Amino acid sequence: MAHQQMRRKQPRPGRRVGMVQAVVAAVVGLACCAVRVSGELKQQLSVLGPFDKHDHKGARIIPYFEKTGATNIMQSFVRLTPDKPEELGTLWSRSTIATSDFSLEWKFRISGTEKIKYGDTIALVIAPMKYKAGQDGRFFGIDEKFTGLVVVANTNRQLLNKDRLPGEPMGRHRDVSVIANNGTRNYGNLIDSLEGCTANVRFDETRDDFNVMQSTRVRLKVEGNTVAMEVDARNTGRWRRCSTMAHLDMPADWASKSNVGIIAKTSEKTNNHDLLSLRMYTDPNDAWEVDTYEDDEDEMDSLMHHMEHELFNVHDSLRETIDALAQAERDAETRLLLLEENLSNSVMQALESRVAKLEVQMQTSVSKTLNKHVNQVYDRLEEDVGVKLAEHVGKMSASWRWPFYALLSLVIGMVAFSFTKYKQLKKQHLL
């Protein structure tokens, strides 16, 4: 009997499951009521995967944004720079913010295989698009005279002072910083007044526990002339206040005229700089109230992300290998051309030398032979002329003597006559 009563007091399994489900539903309902799950996103200023849009050439694109430099758009993320030196990649919105107050959440990943020589920066720029990055921009790749806000994640501790000019103050490194400029502050003023905090924002890809879901999140609130920034360095859902700036000396319409840009660059130090998402809200509190923590992505999305990350490295390595082979082929072709040119020059020089020697030998031989023949002809001609002349003189000697004698007698007679006449005239004193 007691046993039967105990059995009747035990709740049925179905009822127990129903009670648990009810409790879970109640908790979820309370959570949904307590936390906003969506905000008013500005779609034309947000970057959200998967990136499945393509242009007419089949290349992936992000609507309302344009890329430059080393930027590659994958399905799950945007790689701004690969883990290679001297790279620069950007992604800029074509639209302006068009409001003075806003908030945003920026999710990115900095990773690499280098243990010591790693760097440099990835930056979120809120400024007019005319400040698009270039390698000659001293302030994290952009013109130091910008008007707007820049949020920088910097893993190169020497970067700030590397481009410092003599007389400019020393900058103090911060892993994550926010900088405001109204267009009048120079590089020295900017690095001397960095607002930010320390945060471990780089992930080592050589570690066994590395995975592509590791990332960093930054959220920013701009309301009036106040800016607040928080960082979730390892994407764990734990936010930390990093900086608050009040009483900003900025033009009244600076935000509404600004575009949104993401810039990454490397120098001799390198990193992979990946943009994972950017959520821009029209309300300055939405980024704080909307929970976008992604602790456990869909398994297929995670697998796709991992495959793209690994395949990008493989593709990059293959491209470098192909480029190296192509360069080696070009070098070999250049060497062959040089060898061919040198061989051709050597052969031509040898031929020219041989031809010159043959010409000299031929000229010498021809000259000797010609002189010999000329001398022989001259001697023969001289001999023949002498014989012929002697014969002719012998024949002609008798015929020309009498006229000569007659002419000589006539001349003598005329001279005698003239002399006689001269004497007569002299005697007559006519001369």
Protein backbone atom coordinates (compact mmCIF):
# COMPACT_ATOMS: atom_id res chain seq x y z
CA MET A 1 0.00 0.00 0.00
CA ALA A 2 2.76 2.42 0.94
CA HIS A 3 4.56 1.53 -2.23
CA GLN A 4 1.47 2.32 -4.28
CA GLN A 5 1.06 5.69 -2.53
CA MET A 6 4.67 6.59 -3.31
CA ARG A 7 4.13 5.70 -6.92
CA ARG A 8 1.06 7.91 -7.07
CA LYS A 9 3.00 10.88 -5.61
CA GLN A 10 5.76 10.77 -8.28
CA PRO A 11 5.05 13.18 -11.16
CA ARG A 12 4.71 11.70 -14.58
CA PRO A 13 7.64 12.23 -17.03
CA GLY A 14 5.48 14.12 -19.48
CA ARG A 15 4.33 16.53 -16.77
CA ARG A 16 7.98 17.10 -15.66
CA VAL A 17 9.06 17.91 -19.20
CA GLY A 18 6.14 20.25 -19.61
CA MET A 19 7.04 22.11 -16.45
CA VAL A 20 10.67 22.53 -17.60
CA GLN A 21 9.53 23.83 -20.97
CA ALA A 22 7.22 26.29 -19.28
CA VAL A 23 10.02 27.59 -17.08
CA VAL A 24 12.36 27.94 -20.06
CA ALA A 25 9.68 29.73 -22.04
CA ALA A 26 9.06 32.10 -19.16
CA VAL A 27 12.77 32.87 -18.82
CA VAL A 28 13.13 33.43 -22.55
CA GLY A 29 10.06 35.62 -22.54
CA LEU A 30 11.43 37.74 -19.71
CA ALA A 31 14.78 38.01 -21.49
CA CYS A 32 13.11 39.10 -24.69
CA CYS A 33 11.17 41.71 -22.83
CA ALA A 34 14.27 42.96 -21.02
CA VAL A 35 16.62 43.16 -24.03
CA ARG A 36 15.95 44.65 -27.45
CA VAL A 37 16.87 42.16 -30.14
CA SER A 38 16.88 44.50 -33.10
CA GLY A 39 17.63 48.12 -33.80
CA GLU A 40 17.19 50.41 -36.77
CA LEU A 41 20.13 49.44 -38.94
CA LYS A 42 21.37 51.79 -41.62
CA GLN A 43 21.70 49.18 -44.35
CA GLN A 44 23.69 51.41 -46.68
CA LEU A 45 26.33 51.86 -43.98
CA SER A 46 26.38 48.29 -42.62
CA VAL A 47 28.51 45.33 -43.68
CA LEU A 48 26.84 41.99 -42.90
CA GLY A 49 27.63 38.57 -44.33
CA PRO A 50 27.20 36.29 -46.08
CA PHE A 51 28.51 38.28 -49.03
CA ASP A 52 26.71 36.65 -51.95
CA LYS A 53 26.37 39.59 -54.34
CA HIS A 54 28.48 39.65 -57.52
CA ASP A 55 29.22 42.19 -60.23
CA HIS A 56 28.96 41.60 -63.99
CA LYS A 57 32.45 40.06 -63.97
CA GLY A 58 31.53 37.54 -61.27
CA ALA A 59 33.55 39.21 -58.49
CA ARG A 60 32.02 39.47 -55.03
CA ILE A 61 30.80 42.91 -54.01
CA ILE A 62 29.24 44.56 -50.98
CA PRO A 63 26.33 46.80 -51.98
CA TYR A 64 26.81 50.50 -51.21
CA PHE A 65 30.54 50.01 -50.57
CA GLU A 66 33.63 50.14 -52.75
CA LYS A 67 36.94 48.42 -52.13
CA THR A 68 40.48 49.43 -53.03
CA GLY A 69 43.98 48.02 -52.77
CA ALA A 70 44.54 44.53 -51.36
CA THR A 71 40.93 44.05 -50.20
CA ASN A 72 39.39 40.64 -50.99
CA ILE A 73 35.71 39.93 -50.33
CA MET A 74 35.04 36.35 -49.27
CA GLN A 75 31.65 34.83 -48.51
CA SER A 76 32.13 34.99 -44.72
CA PHE A 77 34.53 37.88 -44.21
CA VAL A 78 36.44 40.69 -45.92
CA ARG A 79 40.23 40.39 -45.93
CA LEU A 80 41.67 43.89 -46.06
CA THR A 81 45.32 42.81 -45.97
CA PRO A 82 46.94 39.38 -46.13
CA ASP A 83 49.80 38.45 -43.82
CA LYS A 84 52.34 40.10 -46.14
CA PRO A 85 54.47 43.27 -45.95
CA GLU A 86 53.59 46.65 -47.47
CA GLU A 87 49.90 45.96 -48.10
CA LEU A 88 47.01 48.43 -47.96
CA GLY A 89 43.30 47.66 -48.26
CA THR A 90 40.20 49.79 -47.77
CA LEU A 91 36.41 49.52 -47.85
CA TRP A 92 34.42 52.77 -48.03
CA SER A 93 30.69 53.48 -47.93
CA ARG A 94 29.34 55.47 -50.84
CA SER A 95 26.67 57.01 -48.61
CA THR A 96 27.19 59.50 -45.82
CA ILE A 97 25.86 59.02 -42.29
CA ALA A 98 23.37 61.90 -42.77
CA THR A 99 22.74 62.26 -39.03
CA SER A 100 24.61 63.85 -36.15
CA ASP A 101 23.93 61.10 -33.56
CA PHE A 102 24.54 57.40 -34.17
CA SER A 103 26.07 54.23 -32.77
CA LEU A 104 27.84 51.26 -34.29
CA GLU A 105 29.31 47.86 -33.57
CA TRP A 106 32.46 46.87 -35.45
CA LYS A 107 33.67 43.27 -35.49
CA PHE A 108 37.09 42.35 -36.86
CA ARG A 109 39.91 39.85 -36.53
CA ILE A 110 43.66 40.50 -36.44
CA SER A 111 45.68 37.29 -36.80
CA GLY A 112 48.95 36.01 -38.18
CA THR A 113 51.72 33.46 -37.98
CA GLU A 114 54.59 35.78 -37.03
CA LYS A 115 55.83 35.52 -33.45
CA ILE A 116 57.80 38.78 -33.26
CA LYS A 117 57.63 40.87 -36.44
CA TYR A 118 53.89 41.42 -36.61
CA GLY A 119 51.75 44.56 -37.09
CA ASP A 120 50.36 47.12 -38.11
CA THR A 121 46.83 48.58 -37.95
CA ILE A 122 43.18 48.29 -38.82
CA ALA A 123 41.12 51.44 -38.45
CA LEU A 124 37.49 52.51 -38.64
CA VAL A 125 37.33 55.99 -40.17
CA ILE A 126 34.30 58.26 -39.91
CA ALA A 127 35.22 61.13 -42.20
CA PRO A 128 34.49 62.40 -45.72
CA MET A 129 35.52 59.94 -48.42
CA LYS A 130 38.14 62.37 -49.75
CA TYR A 131 40.42 61.11 -46.97
CA LYS A 132 40.69 57.68 -48.57
CA ALA A 133 43.87 55.98 -47.45
CA GLY A 134 47.21 56.02 -49.19
CA GLN A 135 50.62 54.74 -48.15
CA ASP A 136 51.82 58.34 -47.88
CA GLY A 137 49.23 59.23 -45.20
CA ARG A 138 51.15 59.60 -41.95
CA PHE A 139 48.22 59.05 -39.60
CA PHE A 140 47.48 55.32 -39.88
CA GLY A 141 47.46 55.62 -43.67
CA ILE A 142 45.25 58.73 -44.01
CA ASP A 143 45.89 62.46 -44.22
CA GLU A 144 46.54 63.84 -40.73
CA LYS A 145 44.36 66.90 -41.47
CA PHE A 146 41.15 64.85 -41.62
CA THR A 147 37.86 66.01 -40.10
CA GLY A 148 36.14 63.23 -38.18
CA LEU A 149 36.76 60.25 -35.90
CA VAL A 150 39.20 57.36 -36.26
CA VAL A 151 39.08 54.18 -34.16
CA VAL A 152 42.37 52.28 -34.43
CA ALA A 153 43.45 48.79 -33.39
CA ASN A 154 47.24 48.97 -33.46
CA THR A 155 49.54 45.97 -32.93
CA ASN A 156 52.79 47.77 -33.83
CA ARG A 157 54.19 49.49 -30.75
CA GLN A 158 56.76 51.46 -32.76
CA LEU A 159 54.32 52.74 -35.38
CA LEU A 160 53.34 56.05 -33.76
CA ASN A 161 56.89 57.32 -33.42
CA LYS A 162 58.21 55.83 -36.67
CA ASP A 163 56.73 58.68 -38.74
CA ARG A 164 57.26 61.37 -36.09
CA LEU A 165 59.17 64.43 -37.30
CA PRO A 166 61.88 66.17 -35.23
CA GLY A 167 60.28 68.37 -32.59
CA GLU A 168 56.98 66.47 -32.51
CA PRO A 169 56.01 64.86 -29.17
CA MET A 170 56.43 61.16 -28.48
CA GLY A 171 53.23 59.15 -28.78
CA ARG A 172 52.22 56.54 -26.22
CA HIS A 173 51.03 53.24 -27.65
CA ARG A 174 47.50 52.02 -27.05
CA ASP A 175 46.12 48.80 -28.46
CA VAL A 176 42.74 50.39 -29.20
CA SER A 177 42.30 54.14 -29.45
CA VAL A 178 39.88 56.76 -30.72
CA ILE A 179 41.02 60.09 -32.14
CA ALA A 180 39.00 63.16 -33.11
CA ASN A 181 40.21 65.91 -35.42
CA ASN A 182 38.45 69.05 -36.62
CA GLY A 183 40.86 69.46 -39.53
CA THR A 184 43.33 71.72 -37.72
CA ARG A 185 45.33 69.31 -35.57
CA ASN A 186 48.61 67.96 -36.92
CA TYR A 187 50.28 64.59 -36.43
CA GLY A 188 52.09 65.62 -33.25
CA ASN A 189 48.88 66.89 -31.62
CA LEU A 190 47.04 63.70 -32.55
CA ILE A 191 49.53 61.15 -31.22
CA ASP A 192 50.03 63.25 -28.08
CA SER A 193 46.33 63.07 -27.20
CA LEU A 194 45.32 59.51 -28.05
CA GLU A 195 42.36 58.23 -26.04
CA GLY A 196 42.25 54.47 -25.63
CA CYS A 197 43.09 51.36 -23.68
CA THR A 198 45.10 48.16 -23.61
CA ALA A 199 43.43 45.12 -25.17
CA ASN A 200 44.71 41.80 -26.49
CA VAL A 201 43.30 42.05 -30.01
CA ARG A 202 45.71 39.82 -31.97
CA PHE A 203 45.25 36.07 -32.43
CA ASP A 204 48.19 33.76 -33.06
CA GLU A 205 47.34 31.37 -35.89
CA THR A 206 50.14 28.97 -34.90
CA ARG A 207 48.44 28.10 -31.60
CA ASP A 208 46.53 24.83 -31.42
CA ASP A 209 43.51 26.59 -29.93
CA PHE A 210 43.21 29.15 -32.74
CA ASN A 211 39.97 29.12 -34.70
CA VAL A 212 38.41 31.52 -37.15
CA MET A 213 35.53 32.36 -34.83
CA GLN A 214 37.90 34.33 -32.61
CA SER A 215 37.43 38.06 -33.09
CA THR A 216 37.29 41.49 -31.47
CA ARG A 217 34.30 43.79 -31.14
CA VAL A 218 34.22 47.56 -30.67
CA ARG A 219 31.11 49.62 -30.13
CA LEU A 220 30.96 53.37 -30.48
CA LYS A 221 28.37 55.94 -29.45
CA VAL A 222 28.33 59.48 -30.86
CA GLU A 223 25.77 61.77 -29.25
CA GLY A 224 26.13 65.52 -29.58
CA ASN A 225 29.73 66.38 -28.77
CA THR A 226 30.33 63.24 -26.69
CA VAL A 227 31.94 59.98 -27.84
CA ALA A 228 32.00 56.73 -25.85
CA MET A 229 33.83 53.54 -26.87
CA GLU A 230 33.78 50.03 -25.42
CA VAL A 231 35.81 46.95 -26.39
CA ASP A 232 35.14 43.22 -26.21
CA ALA A 233 38.70 42.14 -27.04
CA ARG A 234 38.11 38.37 -27.40
CA ASN A 235 34.40 38.40 -28.35
CA THR A 236 33.35 36.81 -25.07
CA GLY A 237 30.39 39.09 -24.40
CA ARG A 238 32.28 41.02 -21.71
CA TRP A 239 32.49 44.70 -22.63
CA ARG A 240 35.02 47.11 -21.17
CA ARG A 241 34.84 50.90 -21.29
CA CYS A 242 37.88 52.03 -23.27
CA SER A 243 37.39 55.76 -23.76
CA THR A 244 34.98 58.62 -23.22
CA MET A 245 35.51 61.99 -24.87
CA ALA A 246 33.28 64.94 -24.01
CA HIS A 247 33.07 68.51 -25.31
CA LEU A 248 34.49 67.68 -28.72
CA ASP A 249 35.52 70.72 -30.73
CA MET A 250 34.03 69.57 -34.03
CA PRO A 251 32.00 71.27 -36.79
CA ALA A 252 28.27 70.95 -36.18
CA ASP A 253 27.60 68.87 -39.31
CA TRP A 254 30.79 66.79 -39.38
CA ALA A 255 29.03 63.45 -38.80
CA SER A 256 26.24 63.96 -41.32
CA LYS A 257 28.81 64.71 -44.05
CA SER A 258 31.02 61.74 -43.20
CA ASN A 259 31.34 58.37 -44.88
CA VAL A 260 32.38 55.18 -43.11
CA GLY A 261 35.65 53.54 -44.09
CA ILE A 262 37.64 50.56 -42.86
CA ILE A 263 41.37 50.76 -43.55
CA ALA A 264 44.11 48.22 -42.88
CA LYS A 265 47.80 48.45 -43.66
CA THR A 266 51.03 46.59 -43.04
CA SER A 267 54.65 47.72 -43.25
CA GLU A 268 57.64 45.44 -42.80
CA LYS A 269 55.49 43.93 -40.03
CA THR A 270 52.47 41.94 -41.10
CA ASN A 271 49.07 40.57 -40.06
CA ASN A 272 45.88 39.29 -41.58
CA HIS A 273 43.32 42.08 -41.08
CA ASP A 274 39.76 40.80 -41.55
CA LEU A 275 36.48 42.69 -41.35
CA LEU A 276 33.70 40.41 -40.09
CA SER A 277 30.80 42.83 -39.71
CA LEU A 278 29.82 46.45 -39.21
CA ARG A 279 26.43 47.45 -37.82
CA MET A 280 25.52 51.12 -38.04
CA TYR A 281 22.46 52.35 -36.10
CA THR A 282 20.56 55.61 -36.35
CA ASP A 283 20.04 55.75 -32.59
CA PRO A 284 23.06 56.44 -30.34
CA ASN A 285 21.92 53.77 -27.85
CA ASP A 286 21.09 50.92 -30.22
CA ALA A 287 24.60 49.44 -30.35
CA TRP A 288 24.49 49.23 -26.53
CA GLU A 289 20.98 47.80 -26.30
CA VAL A 290 21.06 45.35 -29.20
CA ASP A 291 22.78 42.10 -28.28
CA THR A 292 24.69 40.76 -31.29
CA TYR A 293 26.98 38.45 -29.33
CA GLU A 294 27.70 35.42 -31.51
CA ASP A 295 28.93 32.81 -29.08
CA ASP A 296 28.03 29.85 -31.24
CA GLU A 297 27.46 30.38 -34.95
CA ASP A 298 25.64 27.92 -37.12
CA GLU A 299 27.82 24.86 -37.68
CA MET A 300 27.73 25.17 -41.47
CA ASP A 301 28.54 28.90 -41.34
CA SER A 302 31.42 28.19 -39.00
CA LEU A 303 32.71 25.44 -41.29
CA MET A 304 32.42 27.72 -44.34
CA HIS A 305 34.25 30.50 -42.49
CA HIS A 306 37.03 28.11 -41.47
CA MET A 307 37.37 26.71 -45.01
CA GLU A 308 37.53 30.18 -46.54
CA HIS A 309 40.16 31.28 -44.04
CA GLU A 310 42.33 28.24 -44.72
CA LEU A 311 41.74 28.25 -48.48
CA PHE A 312 42.64 31.92 -48.65
CA ASN A 313 46.03 31.11 -47.15
CA VAL A 314 46.42 28.16 -49.52
CA HIS A 315 45.36 30.28 -52.48
CA ASP A 316 47.70 33.05 -51.37
CA SER A 317 50.58 30.57 -51.04
CA LEU A 318 49.80 29.08 -54.45
CA ARG A 319 49.63 32.54 -55.98
CA GLU A 320 52.98 33.43 -54.43
CA THR A 321 54.43 30.14 -55.73
CA ILE A 322 53.02 30.78 -59.20
CA ASP A 323 54.34 34.34 -59.11
CA ALA A 324 57.74 33.04 -58.00
CA LEU A 325 57.74 30.46 -60.80
CA ALA A 326 56.67 33.09 -63.31
CA GLN A 327 59.42 35.38 -62.05
CA ALA A 328 61.92 32.52 -62.27
CA GLU A 329 60.76 31.87 -65.83
CA ARG A 330 61.16 35.54 -66.68
CA ASP A 331 64.61 35.55 -65.07
CA ALA A 332 65.58 32.41 -67.02
CA GLU A 333 64.30 33.97 -70.23
CA THR A 334 66.27 37.12 -69.46
CA ARG A 335 69.39 35.07 -68.80
CA LEU A 336 68.86 33.15 -72.06
CA LEU A 337 68.45 36.40 -73.96
CA LEU A 338 71.62 37.76 -72.37
CA LEU A 339 73.44 34.52 -73.14
CA GLU A 340 72.16 34.61 -76.70
CA GLU A 341 73.19 38.23 -77.02
CA ASN A 342 76.63 37.55 -75.55
CA LEU A 343 77.07 34.50 -77.79
CA SER A 344 75.90 36.47 -80.80
CA ASN A 345 78.28 39.30 -79.93
CA SER A 346 81.15 36.83 -79.45
CA VAL A 347 80.40 35.10 -82.75
CA MET A 348 80.07 38.41 -84.56
CA GLN A 349 83.31 39.68 -83.05
CA ALA A 350 85.10 36.45 -84.03
CA LEU A 351 83.64 36.61 -87.54
CA GLU A 352 84.52 40.27 -87.92
CA SER A 353 88.06 39.59 -86.71
CA ARG A 354 88.40 36.64 -89.07
CA VAL A 355 86.97 38.60 -91.99
CA ALA A 356 89.31 41.51 -91.22
CA LYS A 357 92.30 39.16 -91.16
CA LEU A 358 91.18 37.54 -94.42
CA GLU A 359 90.72 40.97 -95.99
CA VAL A 360 94.24 41.97 -94.94
CA GLN A 361 95.66 38.69 -96.21
CA MET A 362 93.73 38.99 -99.45
CA GLN A 363 94.74 42.60 -99.96
CA THR A 364 98.38 41.71 -99.29
CA SER A 365 98.26 38.73 -101.63
CA VAL A 366 96.40 40.65 -104.33
CA SER A 367 98.77 43.60 -104.00
CA LYS A 368 101.81 41.37 -104.32
CA THR A 369 100.38 39.51 -107.29
CA LEU A 370 99.18 42.71 -108.94
CA ASN A 371 102.52 44.45 -108.40
CA LYS A 372 104.32 41.44 -109.80
CA HIS A 373 102.11 41.37 -112.88
CA VAL A 374 102.36 45.13 -113.31
CA ASN A 375 106.14 45.00 -113.07
CA GLN A 376 106.26 42.15 -115.54
CA VAL A 377 103.98 44.00 -117.94
CA TYR A 378 106.01 47.19 -117.45
CA ASP A 379 109.29 45.40 -118.08
CA ARG A 380 107.91 43.67 -121.13
CA LEU A 381 106.39 46.89 -122.43
CA GLU A 382 109.60 48.80 -121.79
CA GLU A 383 111.57 46.16 -123.61
CA ASP A 384 109.17 46.10 -126.54
CA VAL A 385 109.06 49.90 -126.75
CA GLY A 386 112.87 50.08 -126.68
CA VAL A 387 113.20 47.55 -129.46
CA LYS A 388 110.52 49.18 -131.57
CA LEU A 389 111.97 52.66 -130.99
CA ALA A 390 115.46 51.52 -131.92
CA GLU A 391 114.17 49.93 -135.09
CA HIS A 392 112.19 53.04 -135.98
CA VAL A 393 115.11 55.35 -135.26
CA GLY A 394 117.36 53.19 -137.41
CA LYS A 395 114.91 53.42 -140.26
CA MET A 396 114.27 57.12 -139.84
CA SER A 397 117.88 58.29 -139.20
CA ALA A 398 118.86 58.65 -142.90
CA SER A 399 115.74 60.49 -144.00
CA TRP A 400 115.77 63.36 -141.51
CA ARG A 401 119.48 64.38 -141.73
CA TRP A 402 119.42 66.40 -145.07
CA PRO A 403 116.52 68.65 -144.18
CA PHE A 404 118.26 69.38 -140.92
CA TYR A 405 121.48 70.29 -142.67
CA ALA A 406 119.62 72.57 -145.10
CA LEU A 407 117.81 74.31 -142.29
CA LEU A 408 121.03 74.75 -140.38
CA SER A 409 122.75 76.28 -143.46
CA LEU A 410 119.85 78.67 -143.94
CA VAL A 411 120.03 79.80 -140.32
CA ILE A 412 123.79 80.35 -140.57
CA GLY A 413 123.35 82.37 -143.77
CA MET A 414 120.71 84.58 -142.22
CA VAL A 415 122.87 85.23 -139.19
CA ALA A 416 125.84 86.17 -141.42
CA PHE A 417 123.68 88.49 -143.51
CA SER A 418 122.25 90.16 -140.46
CA PHE A 419 125.70 90.74 -138.94
CA THR A 420 127.03 92.26 -142.21
CA LYS A 421 124.05 94.59 -142.46
CA TYR A 422 124.55 95.66 -138.86
CA LYS A 423 128.14 96.72 -139.49
CA GLN A 424 127.13 98.80 -142.52
CA LEU A 425 124.49 100.67 -140.62
CA LYS A 426 126.86 101.35 -137.77
CA LYS A 427 129.42 102.85 -140.13
CA GLN A 428 126.78 105.15 -141.49
CA HIS A 429 126.03 106.22 -137.92
CA LEU A 430 122.50 105.16 -138.26
CA LEU A 431 122.83 103.03 -135.16
